[in-house]
Each structure stands twice: as C-alpha cells, then as structure tokens.
C-alpha cells in the first residue's frame, strides 16, 4: 500500500545513527535539566519518616500503587488518581533524585495529565522528567523512551514519536504499550503498511485486552470498517475494569456512533461515559456535538462551554464557534475563534503542533492562503489522512481546485489509504468536483456524505443539502449540466 511520504525511506544504517544521536542529545539534555526539574517539584509538605540512606522506599500498596500500574500499563487513568500519583512521585523524587524509574513514571503521568486536561504546561514538565530518567538511569530505559514517544504524540509530533517508540521497541520488543504508541505515530504519518504490521504485533502480544481492542477499533475506523470498529469498542467497554477506562471507551463508541449519523446512540454513549467518569472531558464535548445534531442547541452550547472550561482544546472552540455561527450568533462565534487562537498560541509555546486545527480554522474562517501554507508544511512533515483532507479543502477555498482534488482523493480513496468513511471528507471531495465541473461525481459524493451522517457539521451539512439541491438529479442521459 502506498505511503504518503515526501521522500524515500531512509536506509536502516542512517536511521539507527539518527536514533543514537537523539539518545545522546536526550542524555545531555537530561544532565542539564536535572536541577531544573528538582526546582519544579513542590516542597515536601508531609512529615513522613525518611527512608534508609541511599535506598528508595518500596512503593506503598493501595491506590497509589494501583494508579501507578494503570499509568504504566497503557490504560486511561482517573484524574484524581493521577493527581495522587503525581504528588507521590514528586515527593519521592525530592529525596531520591537518582531514581530513574520514578522519573519515567512521573513524566508519563504528566503526559497523561496533559492529555486529559488539555493543559500544555505539563508538556515541558513531562519532557524534563523523562529526559532526566534517561540521564540518571543505567543506560536507555524503554519506559522513558516510550514516555517521550507518548509525549510526542500528544504534541502531534509524529516523526519524533516514531523515533522514540522504535528506540523503545528495540530495547524491549515484547513491550506491548510501545506498540500501542507506535500505532498513533504511524497513523499520524499516513504509514498504513506500518499500522497494519504494528496492530498485528500488538494483538499477538495482548490478545483480547480491552485497551488493545480499543486500539484495533481506531484502526478499523480509519479503514472504513465501521461494523468491526463498533464490535471491537463494544468488547472493550464490556471488558474494562476501572471507571475511567470504561468511560474512555464509551466516549470512543460515541464518536463512532456519531460518525455514522446515529445521534441518539452517540448521545447515550456520551451520557454514560460522563456518568461513569465525570472528568471524561472529551465525552462532554461529544455531548455538545450530539445535542446540536438533535437540534437542542441551547443544551449543546452549555455542554461545549462545560467542556471548554475543563479542557479548553482548540478544536472544541472551533466546534462551538461554528455552532454559534449556524445560530446567527456572530459575536459569540468570534469569541470562540479568538479563544482558539489563544489556545493554539499556548500549546505552540509548549512545543505542540496545532497546525492542523489552525489550518482548518483559517480555511473556513480566516485566510485560505495562509491555511494552504500551513497545511502544505504539515503535509511535508507528517502526511496523515486528516492533513490530506484539510489541505485539499484549503486549496479549494483558495481557488485551486485542480490541486485540491489530488489531496481529496488521498483522503477518501481506500487505494490511497483514506478508507475512513467520513461525511466531512466526502463532502469536501464533492464540492471540489462540483467546482471542476464534474457534476455527476459531485452529486454522488455530496449525497454520500449526507447518507453517512446528515448532521456532520452545523455549517457544512446545510451547505451540502443546498449544493445537492442545486445540482439536481442526474438525468438518464448523463450528469446534470450547470
């Protein structure tokens, strides 16, 4: 299968040399930041009895040990438990700064905290902790390397995520959580062959585990295998043990239901996720999405605002802004778009790559040419399917439909790797085809978008309905002529 790369793959020798250089840089960086990380750790407030000199204390049993196991086992953790773990590791490391495994756990917990709360301030803290683990340990640590890979995924830096995770896999080939992070990296890079191989390896390592089923569901969704994806995530929900884990899989099930136009099913999944774990903030935004599709716009706005208050992700601000715009509330929409820009600035300052969401925003609500410039650079660096769709749409909005068509085909044709059945992607392709005068194909694809999910966007779904009405039914002799 074709890989959408901007250049030929590197020779193995060059890739290994580049990995070694990265490890050396990480070790040097860890040396420089060790003192800085210790400064960042809060002062010890507990009057605990100090352990024997030179010997780290054994981990205390109970909730702390349980959440530590959850964080290091690739399973979603509850926010209160994460706070407990972070506090416990910070206190421990203030007295034992050479405990490399503890630094790796702390860095991984910071990554999970950043992912759950959308607080980019945790990214630099996670990076320093994980690099310190590499520095003070006896050689490279698969746990620290995997943590750096997970951090890179959270920052949407998929090339770095691939390198870190492949380094970790070389150290511990049977470490299944590393394969899970590699799936995210390869998906972000549009490397469908590597995704297939990695999922096969992951399934062999942990057959039937709920976390693996959830990963398989995400891959199947990207391939357009909606029934298989739904079955996998349903099994993951049934097999989940902790509330936070079950809620995460329910949220994923809700997204799958919404993508196929099942508003009521999506609503039930999101509501159940929030009942199971009130801190499931992605489910809160999903609730807004489902309520808006059901026409309950007042409650949808409330749900989005709650999600943004708890996890102010730029994409939630974009969705709420477009909902306001569809309601004719231009001032409120502009407020959300301003919030989006501010959140992107903060995330970028913390090392995150928000070019995709910013490019999508600029294409429809800002300067289309600027969106093209951003998304071209993003495509060159990490050519995933979502970037192909966004770049194609930005080119269309900028008046370049011929080039736009190439990326729209990549995003929607299974032969190019774009097997996902996305109403938005298919709508974008149909509109580009209409602009090119391919009215029969445009009629087919815009109609297909509305069949996949008639409620996929409060702005673009009505636009699809208008475009379809303007195209009219194709005649028996051929496509309609404008």
Protein backbone atom coordinates (compact mmCIF):
# COMPACT_ATOMS: atom_id res chain seq x y z
CA UNK A 1 0.00 0.00 0.00
CA UNK A 2 1.20 3.47 -0.86
CA UNK A 3 2.76 5.52 1.93
CA UNK A 4 2.26 9.24 1.59
CA UNK A 5 5.79 10.31 2.24
CA UNK A 6 7.50 13.37 0.85
CA UNK A 7 10.75 11.48 0.28
CA UNK A 8 12.13 7.95 0.02
CA UNK A 9 12.62 5.94 3.25
CA UNK A 10 15.97 6.31 4.93
CA UNK A 11 18.46 3.43 4.85
CA UNK A 12 18.43 1.42 8.13
CA UNK A 13 22.02 2.45 8.93
CA UNK A 14 21.20 6.15 8.67
CA UNK A 15 18.04 5.72 10.73
CA UNK A 16 19.93 3.89 13.50
CA UNK A 17 22.61 6.59 13.54
CA UNK A 18 19.95 9.27 13.83
CA UNK A 19 18.37 7.43 16.75
CA UNK A 20 21.71 7.17 18.53
CA UNK A 21 22.23 10.91 18.09
CA UNK A 22 18.80 11.58 19.55
CA UNK A 23 19.57 9.40 22.57
CA UNK A 24 22.85 11.22 23.15
CA UNK A 25 21.09 14.58 22.91
CA UNK A 26 18.44 13.38 25.35
CA UNK A 27 21.08 12.27 27.84
CA UNK A 28 22.93 15.58 27.64
CA UNK A 29 19.67 17.47 27.97
CA UNK A 30 18.75 15.35 30.97
CA UNK A 31 22.00 16.32 32.65
CA UNK A 32 21.28 19.99 32.09
CA UNK A 33 17.69 19.85 33.30
CA UNK A 34 18.09 17.63 36.37
CA UNK A 35 18.48 20.57 38.66
CA UNK A 36 15.72 22.44 36.89
CA UNK A 37 13.28 19.59 37.34
CA UNK A 38 14.06 19.39 41.02
CA UNK A 39 13.31 23.08 41.32
CA UNK A 40 9.94 22.49 39.66
CA UNK A 41 8.98 19.82 42.15
CA UNK A 42 6.88 21.14 45.04
CA UNK A 43 8.34 21.28 48.50
CA UNK A 44 7.67 18.30 50.72
CA UNK A 45 4.70 19.03 52.93
CA UNK A 46 4.24 15.69 54.64
CA UNK A 47 6.11 14.83 57.80
CA UNK A 48 7.00 11.39 56.51
CA UNK A 49 9.68 9.26 58.09
CA UNK A 50 12.75 9.35 55.81
CA UNK A 51 13.86 6.04 54.27
CA UNK A 52 17.19 4.40 54.88
CA UNK A 53 20.06 6.43 53.30
CA UNK A 54 20.76 5.59 49.67
CA UNK A 55 17.82 3.25 49.36
CA UNK A 56 14.49 4.25 47.75
CA UNK A 57 11.47 3.12 49.75
CA UNK A 58 9.29 0.35 48.40
CA UNK A 59 6.10 1.64 46.74
CA UNK A 60 3.20 1.78 49.16
CA UNK A 61 0.39 -0.65 48.37
CA UNK A 62 -3.13 0.54 47.75
CA UNK A 63 -4.50 3.27 45.45
CA UNK A 64 -1.09 4.83 44.72
CA UNK A 65 0.38 1.57 43.51
CA UNK A 66 -2.79 0.79 41.56
CA UNK A 67 -2.80 4.06 39.64
CA UNK A 68 0.95 3.77 39.03
CA UNK A 69 0.25 0.41 37.42
CA UNK A 70 -2.57 1.92 35.37
CA UNK A 71 -0.44 4.78 34.04
CA UNK A 72 2.41 2.49 33.05
CA UNK A 73 0.11 -0.13 31.50
CA UNK A 74 -1.45 1.99 28.76
CA UNK A 75 -4.88 2.20 30.41
CA UNK A 76 -6.75 5.52 30.92
CA UNK A 77 -6.42 6.77 34.49
CA UNK A 78 -8.83 8.87 36.56
CA UNK A 79 -7.81 12.49 37.10
CA UNK A 80 -7.97 12.33 40.92
CA UNK A 81 -5.78 9.22 40.84
CA UNK A 82 -3.34 10.97 38.53
CA UNK A 83 -3.10 13.87 40.97
CA UNK A 84 -2.32 11.41 43.78
CA UNK A 85 0.34 9.66 41.73
CA UNK A 86 2.00 12.89 40.60
CA UNK A 87 2.14 14.21 44.14
CA UNK A 88 3.53 10.95 45.48
CA UNK A 89 6.24 10.71 42.80
CA UNK A 90 7.23 14.35 43.19
CA UNK A 91 7.67 13.90 46.95
CA UNK A 92 9.64 10.70 46.45
CA UNK A 93 11.97 12.26 43.86
CA UNK A 94 12.76 15.26 46.02
CA UNK A 95 14.51 12.85 48.34
CA UNK A 96 15.71 10.38 45.69
CA UNK A 97 16.62 12.34 42.55
CA UNK A 98 18.58 9.45 41.00
CA UNK A 99 15.60 7.07 40.83
CA UNK A 100 15.31 6.72 37.04
CA UNK A 101 12.15 4.55 37.02
CA UNK A 102 10.39 7.07 39.26
CA UNK A 103 11.27 9.90 36.86
CA UNK A 104 9.84 7.84 33.98
CA UNK A 105 6.59 7.23 35.87
CA UNK A 106 6.31 10.91 36.76
CA UNK A 107 6.94 12.01 33.18
CA UNK A 108 4.38 9.54 31.86
CA UNK A 109 1.86 10.77 34.42
CA UNK A 110 2.47 14.35 33.32
CA UNK A 111 1.78 13.31 29.71
CA UNK A 112 -1.48 11.66 30.72
CA UNK A 113 -2.46 14.70 32.78
CA UNK A 114 -1.80 16.98 29.80
CA UNK A 115 -3.79 14.71 27.52
CA UNK A 116 -6.78 14.59 29.87
CA UNK A 117 -6.86 18.29 30.78
CA UNK A 118 -5.52 19.92 27.58
CA UNK A 119 -3.10 21.87 29.76
CA UNK A 120 0.08 22.35 27.69
CA UNK A 121 2.02 23.45 30.79
CA UNK A 122 2.56 19.75 31.52
CA UNK A 123 4.42 19.15 28.25
CA UNK A 124 7.74 20.78 29.28
CA UNK A 125 7.50 19.19 32.72
CA UNK A 126 6.99 15.77 31.16
CA UNK A 127 9.89 16.26 28.77
CA UNK A 128 12.27 17.26 31.56
CA UNK A 129 11.23 14.37 33.78
CA UNK A 130 11.59 11.78 31.01
CA UNK A 131 14.94 13.13 29.83
CA UNK A 132 16.14 13.09 33.44
CA UNK A 133 15.14 9.42 33.67
CA UNK A 134 17.37 8.71 30.67
CA UNK A 135 20.24 10.64 32.22
CA UNK A 136 20.28 9.14 35.70
CA UNK A 137 19.48 5.56 34.67
CA UNK A 138 21.92 2.79 33.85
CA UNK A 139 21.53 3.12 30.09
CA UNK A 140 18.47 3.90 27.98
CA UNK A 141 15.12 2.96 29.50
CA UNK A 142 12.28 1.63 27.39
CA UNK A 143 9.81 3.21 29.82
CA UNK A 144 11.34 6.67 29.42
CA UNK A 145 11.66 6.34 25.64
CA UNK A 146 8.04 5.24 25.39
CA UNK A 147 7.04 8.17 27.58
CA UNK A 148 8.83 10.55 25.21
CA UNK A 149 7.01 8.89 22.30
CA UNK A 150 3.66 9.36 24.03
CA UNK A 151 4.59 13.00 24.71
CA UNK A 152 5.39 13.50 21.03
CA UNK A 153 2.01 12.00 20.06
CA UNK A 154 0.26 14.37 22.48
CA UNK A 155 2.13 17.26 20.86
CA UNK A 156 1.26 15.94 17.38
CA UNK A 157 4.93 15.44 16.52
CA UNK A 158 4.57 12.08 14.83
CA UNK A 159 8.09 11.81 13.31
CA UNK A 160 9.61 12.22 16.79
CA UNK A 161 7.05 9.80 18.23
CA UNK A 162 8.07 7.19 15.69
CA UNK A 163 11.76 7.54 16.54
CA UNK A 164 11.30 7.39 20.31
CA UNK A 165 8.90 4.44 20.12
CA UNK A 166 11.10 2.49 17.71
CA UNK A 167 14.03 3.03 20.07
CA UNK A 168 11.91 1.68 22.94
CA UNK A 169 10.81 -1.31 20.88
CA UNK A 170 14.42 -2.17 20.05
CA UNK A 171 15.17 -2.31 23.79
CA UNK A 172 12.06 -4.31 24.72
CA UNK A 173 10.40 -5.88 21.67
CA UNK A 174 7.66 -7.51 23.77
CA UNK A 175 6.59 -4.27 25.50
CA UNK A 176 3.03 -4.01 24.19
CA UNK A 177 2.41 -0.43 25.29
CA UNK A 178 5.19 0.70 22.97
CA UNK A 179 3.40 -0.91 20.04
CA UNK A 180 0.27 1.00 21.03
CA UNK A 181 2.12 4.33 20.85
CA UNK A 182 3.66 3.29 17.54
CA UNK A 183 0.16 2.85 16.13
CA UNK A 184 -0.56 6.51 16.87
CA UNK A 185 2.73 7.61 15.32
CA UNK A 186 2.33 5.59 12.13
CA UNK A 187 -1.31 6.70 11.74
CA UNK A 188 -0.26 10.34 12.04
CA UNK A 189 2.37 9.77 9.36
CA UNK A 190 -0.05 8.06 7.00
CA UNK A 191 2.05 4.88 7.02
CA UNK A 192 -0.75 2.34 6.56
CA UNK A 193 1.57 -0.61 6.00
CA UNK A 194 3.30 0.02 9.32
CA UNK A 195 -0.07 0.44 11.05
CA UNK A 196 -1.17 -2.97 9.80
CA UNK A 197 2.02 -4.67 10.90
CA UNK A 198 2.07 -2.98 14.30
CA UNK A 199 -1.56 -3.82 15.03
CA UNK A 200 -0.84 -7.47 14.19
CA UNK A 201 2.11 -7.47 16.60
CA UNK A 202 0.12 -5.72 19.30
CA UNK A 203 -2.77 -8.17 19.01
CA UNK A 204 -0.41 -11.13 19.33
CA UNK A 205 1.16 -9.63 22.46
CA UNK A 206 -2.13 -8.84 24.25
CA UNK A 207 -4.97 -10.72 22.60
CA UNK A 208 -8.39 -9.72 23.89
CA UNK A 209 -7.22 -6.97 26.25
CA UNK A 210 -9.70 -4.06 26.31
CA UNK A 211 -7.01 -1.44 25.62
CA UNK A 212 -5.88 -3.40 22.57
CA UNK A 213 -9.46 -3.77 21.35
CA UNK A 214 -9.87 0.00 21.61
CA UNK A 215 -6.72 0.50 19.52
CA UNK A 216 -7.98 -2.00 16.95
CA UNK A 217 -11.31 -0.14 16.81
CA UNK A 218 -9.47 3.09 15.95
CA UNK A 219 -7.55 1.37 13.14
CA UNK A 220 -10.69 -0.28 11.77
CA UNK A 221 -12.47 3.08 11.84
CA UNK A 222 -9.68 4.63 9.76
CA UNK A 223 -10.09 1.82 7.22
CA UNK A 224 -13.84 2.30 6.95
CA UNK A 225 -14.68 -0.99 8.69
CA UNK A 226 -17.39 0.55 10.80
CA UNK A 227 -19.10 -2.65 11.97
CA UNK A 228 -15.78 -4.19 13.01
CA UNK A 229 -14.79 -0.99 14.80
CA UNK A 230 -18.11 -0.89 16.67
CA UNK A 231 -17.76 -4.54 17.70
CA UNK A 232 -14.21 -4.02 18.99
CA UNK A 233 -15.09 -0.94 21.06
CA UNK A 234 -18.19 -2.64 22.47
CA UNK A 235 -15.99 -5.51 23.66
CA UNK A 236 -13.53 -3.01 25.12
CA UNK A 237 -16.32 -1.32 27.09
CA UNK A 238 -17.55 -4.67 28.38
CA UNK A 239 -14.06 -5.76 29.44
CA UNK A 240 -12.91 -2.50 31.07
CA UNK A 241 -12.26 -2.76 34.80
CA UNK A 242 -11.76 0.79 36.09
CA UNK A 243 -14.41 3.53 35.64
CA UNK A 244 -12.01 5.90 33.87
CA UNK A 245 -11.05 3.17 31.41
CA UNK A 246 -14.67 2.25 30.69
CA UNK A 247 -15.60 5.92 30.23
CA UNK A 248 -12.78 6.43 27.71
CA UNK A 249 -14.03 3.52 25.61
CA UNK A 250 -17.64 4.75 25.87
CA UNK A 251 -16.50 8.11 24.54
CA UNK A 252 -14.81 6.37 21.62
CA UNK A 253 -18.01 4.40 20.99
CA UNK A 254 -19.93 7.67 20.98
CA UNK A 255 -17.65 9.17 18.36
CA UNK A 256 -18.10 6.10 16.15
CA UNK A 257 -21.89 6.30 16.53
CA UNK A 258 -21.94 10.00 15.67
CA UNK A 259 -19.79 9.49 12.59
CA UNK A 260 -22.37 7.10 11.16
CA UNK A 261 -25.21 9.53 11.89
CA UNK A 262 -26.60 7.79 14.97
CA UNK A 263 -27.37 10.87 17.07
CA UNK A 264 -29.34 9.08 19.76
CA UNK A 265 -26.77 6.29 20.11
CA UNK A 266 -23.94 8.81 20.34
CA UNK A 267 -25.86 10.75 22.99
CA UNK A 268 -26.37 7.62 25.09
CA UNK A 269 -22.69 6.70 24.91
CA UNK A 270 -21.52 10.19 25.87
CA UNK A 271 -24.01 10.42 28.75
CA UNK A 272 -22.99 7.02 30.07
CA UNK A 273 -19.31 7.99 29.81
CA UNK A 274 -19.95 11.09 31.93
CA UNK A 275 -21.96 9.11 34.48
CA UNK A 276 -19.09 6.64 34.72
CA UNK A 277 -16.37 9.32 34.95
CA UNK A 278 -17.49 12.97 35.26
CA UNK A 279 -13.96 14.01 34.26
CA UNK A 280 -14.33 12.43 30.80
CA UNK A 281 -13.99 15.79 29.08
CA UNK A 282 -13.94 14.51 25.51
CA UNK A 283 -17.34 12.98 26.22
CA UNK A 284 -18.56 16.39 27.40
CA UNK A 285 -17.66 17.88 24.01
CA UNK A 286 -19.21 14.85 22.31
CA UNK A 287 -22.39 15.54 24.24
CA UNK A 288 -22.46 19.02 22.74
CA UNK A 289 -21.95 17.56 19.27
CA UNK A 290 -24.82 15.08 19.66
CA UNK A 291 -27.19 17.62 21.20
CA UNK A 292 -26.52 20.08 18.38
CA UNK A 293 -27.29 17.36 15.83
CA UNK A 294 -30.59 16.70 17.64
CA UNK A 295 -31.49 20.38 17.39
CA UNK A 296 -31.14 21.01 21.14
CA UNK A 297 -28.79 23.92 20.57
CA UNK A 298 -29.19 25.57 23.97
CA UNK A 299 -28.07 22.45 25.80
CA UNK A 300 -25.40 21.85 23.18
CA UNK A 301 -23.88 25.28 23.87
CA UNK A 302 -23.94 24.54 27.60
CA UNK A 303 -22.20 21.19 27.08
CA UNK A 304 -19.49 22.73 24.91
CA UNK A 305 -18.91 25.52 27.40
CA UNK A 306 -18.52 22.98 30.19
CA UNK A 307 -16.04 21.00 28.10
CA UNK A 308 -14.03 24.13 27.31
CA UNK A 309 -13.97 25.19 30.95
CA UNK A 310 -12.46 21.84 31.91
CA UNK A 311 -10.35 21.10 28.82
CA UNK A 312 -10.01 24.16 26.56
CA UNK A 313 -8.94 22.35 23.40
CA UNK A 314 -8.76 24.48 20.23
CA UNK A 315 -10.95 22.01 18.33
CA UNK A 316 -13.76 22.38 20.90
CA UNK A 317 -13.63 26.16 20.47
CA UNK A 318 -13.84 25.68 16.69
CA UNK A 319 -16.87 23.41 17.01
CA UNK A 320 -18.67 25.77 19.40
CA UNK A 321 -17.81 28.78 17.22
CA UNK A 322 -19.32 27.06 14.19
CA UNK A 323 -22.41 26.13 16.20
CA UNK A 324 -22.84 29.78 17.21
CA UNK A 325 -22.32 30.81 13.59
CA UNK A 326 -25.04 28.41 12.45
CA UNK A 327 -27.35 30.05 15.01
CA UNK A 328 -26.58 33.53 13.70
CA UNK A 329 -24.65 34.47 16.85
CA UNK A 330 -21.68 36.13 15.17
CA UNK A 331 -20.25 37.85 18.26
CA UNK A 332 -20.20 34.64 20.30
CA UNK A 333 -18.65 32.81 17.35
CA UNK A 334 -15.83 35.37 17.15
CA UNK A 335 -15.20 34.95 20.88
CA UNK A 336 -14.67 31.23 20.37
CA UNK A 337 -12.40 31.79 17.40
CA UNK A 338 -10.32 34.19 19.49
CA UNK A 339 -10.14 31.52 22.20
CA UNK A 340 -8.98 29.02 19.57
CA UNK A 341 -6.12 31.30 18.53
CA UNK A 342 -5.09 31.85 22.15
CA UNK A 343 -5.12 28.12 22.94
CA UNK A 344 -3.07 27.43 19.82
CA UNK A 345 -0.51 30.04 20.90
CA UNK A 346 -0.21 28.48 24.36
CA UNK A 347 0.11 24.97 23.01
CA UNK A 348 2.69 26.04 20.42
CA UNK A 349 4.75 27.74 23.11
CA UNK A 350 4.78 24.41 24.98
CA UNK A 351 6.09 22.54 21.95
CA UNK A 352 2.80 21.26 20.49
CA UNK A 353 1.92 21.22 16.80
CA UNK A 354 -1.56 22.72 16.30
CA UNK A 355 -1.12 23.47 12.60
CA UNK A 356 -3.90 21.08 11.58
CA UNK A 357 -6.66 22.68 13.65
CA UNK A 358 -5.36 26.17 12.86
CA UNK A 359 -5.26 25.37 9.14
CA UNK A 360 -8.82 24.03 9.25
CA UNK A 361 -9.95 27.20 11.01
CA UNK A 362 -8.15 29.53 8.62
CA UNK A 363 -9.58 27.76 5.57
CA UNK A 364 -13.19 28.48 6.56
CA UNK A 365 -13.00 31.49 8.87
CA UNK A 366 -9.72 33.27 8.15
CA UNK A 367 -7.25 33.49 5.28
CA UNK A 368 -7.39 30.48 2.97
CA UNK A 369 -3.94 31.19 1.51
CA UNK A 370 -2.45 31.15 5.00
CA UNK A 371 -4.20 27.84 5.62
CA UNK A 372 -2.62 26.40 2.46
CA UNK A 373 0.86 27.48 3.55
CA UNK A 374 0.44 25.94 7.00
CA UNK A 375 -1.03 22.71 5.76
CA UNK A 376 1.49 22.25 2.95
CA UNK A 377 4.27 22.35 5.55
CA UNK A 378 2.32 19.97 7.76
CA UNK A 379 1.85 17.54 4.87
CA UNK A 380 5.56 17.56 4.09
CA UNK A 381 6.35 16.76 7.72
CA UNK A 382 3.63 14.28 8.63
CA UNK A 383 1.29 13.31 5.77
CA UNK A 384 -1.66 11.76 7.58
CA UNK A 385 -5.14 11.36 6.12
CA UNK A 386 -6.61 14.21 8.21
CA UNK A 387 -3.94 16.55 6.85
CA UNK A 388 -4.69 15.45 3.29
CA UNK A 389 -8.36 16.35 3.72
CA UNK A 390 -7.60 19.70 5.38
CA UNK A 391 -5.04 20.67 2.73
CA UNK A 392 -7.37 19.72 -0.10
CA UNK A 393 -10.17 21.80 1.38
CA UNK A 394 -7.88 24.78 2.00
CA UNK A 395 -6.71 24.64 -1.63
CA UNK A 396 -10.33 24.58 -2.79
CA UNK A 397 -11.16 27.57 -0.60
CA UNK A 398 -8.11 29.36 -2.01
CA UNK A 399 -9.32 28.85 -5.57
CA UNK A 400 -7.05 25.94 -6.58
CA UNK A 401 -9.47 23.05 -7.20
CA UNK A 402 -7.21 21.07 -9.53
CA UNK A 403 -4.53 20.57 -6.91
CA UNK A 404 -7.17 20.26 -4.20
CA UNK A 405 -8.59 17.22 -5.97
CA UNK A 406 -5.36 15.27 -5.56
CA UNK A 407 -5.49 15.57 -1.78
CA UNK A 408 -9.24 14.95 -1.63
CA UNK A 409 -8.67 11.65 -3.42
CA UNK A 410 -5.96 10.69 -0.94
CA UNK A 411 -8.33 11.43 1.96
CA UNK A 412 -11.26 9.45 0.57
CA UNK A 413 -9.96 6.62 -1.65
CA UNK A 414 -9.13 3.32 0.02
CA UNK A 415 -6.45 2.66 -2.59
CA UNK A 416 -4.61 5.74 -1.28
CA UNK A 417 -5.04 4.72 2.38
CA UNK A 418 -8.04 7.00 3.04
CA UNK A 419 -10.54 4.30 3.86
CA UNK A 420 -12.28 6.19 6.67
CA UNK A 421 -15.98 6.81 5.95
CA UNK A 422 -16.05 10.47 6.91
CA UNK A 423 -19.01 12.59 5.83
CA UNK A 424 -16.84 15.70 6.04
CA UNK A 425 -14.10 14.29 3.82
CA UNK A 426 -16.56 13.05 1.20
CA UNK A 427 -18.43 16.38 1.23
CA UNK A 428 -15.17 18.23 0.64
CA UNK A 429 -14.39 15.99 -2.32
CA UNK A 430 -17.86 16.53 -3.77
CA UNK A 431 -17.59 20.30 -3.54
CA UNK A 432 -14.19 20.25 -5.26
CA UNK A 433 -15.63 18.07 -8.02
CA UNK A 434 -18.52 20.50 -8.47
CA UNK A 435 -16.04 23.37 -8.85
CA UNK A 436 -14.19 21.35 -11.51
CA UNK A 437 -17.44 20.73 -13.41
CA UNK A 438 -17.64 17.02 -12.58
CA UNK A 439 -21.29 17.33 -11.62
CA UNK A 440 -22.20 13.66 -11.68
CA UNK A 441 -19.36 12.74 -9.31
CA UNK A 442 -20.13 15.77 -7.15
CA UNK A 443 -23.79 14.74 -6.86
CA UNK A 444 -22.76 11.23 -5.89
CA UNK A 445 -20.21 12.27 -3.25
CA UNK A 446 -22.22 15.07 -1.65
CA UNK A 447 -25.20 12.72 -1.44
CA UNK A 448 -22.95 10.05 0.06
CA UNK A 449 -21.76 12.50 2.72
CA UNK A 450 -25.34 13.14 3.80
CA UNK A 451 -26.09 9.42 3.83
CA UNK A 452 -23.06 8.72 6.02
CA UNK A 453 -24.04 11.41 8.54
CA UNK A 454 -26.67 14.07 7.74
CA UNK A 455 -25.60 16.03 10.85
CA UNK A 456 -21.82 16.02 10.46
CA UNK A 457 -21.43 19.81 10.82
CA UNK A 458 -23.81 22.63 11.78
CA UNK A 459 -22.38 24.71 8.90
CA UNK A 460 -21.27 22.22 6.26
CA UNK A 461 -24.20 19.76 6.44
CA UNK A 462 -26.70 22.51 5.44
CA UNK A 463 -24.24 23.60 2.74
CA UNK A 464 -24.20 20.02 1.45
CA UNK A 465 -28.00 19.97 1.29
CA UNK A 466 -28.05 23.25 -0.67
CA UNK A 467 -25.34 22.06 -3.06
CA UNK A 468 -27.18 18.81 -3.71
CA UNK A 469 -30.40 20.67 -4.44
CA UNK A 470 -28.59 22.97 -6.87
CA UNK A 471 -27.00 20.03 -8.68
CA UNK A 472 -30.36 18.28 -9.10
CA UNK A 473 -30.90 14.65 -10.03
CA UNK A 474 -28.61 13.33 -12.76
CA UNK A 475 -30.57 12.61 -15.94
CA UNK A 476 -30.71 9.25 -17.66
CA UNK A 477 -28.56 10.67 -20.46
CA UNK A 478 -25.81 11.86 -18.15
CA UNK A 479 -24.92 14.16 -15.28
CA UNK A 480 -26.73 17.47 -14.85
CA UNK A 481 -25.28 20.44 -16.67
CA UNK A 482 -24.89 23.79 -14.96
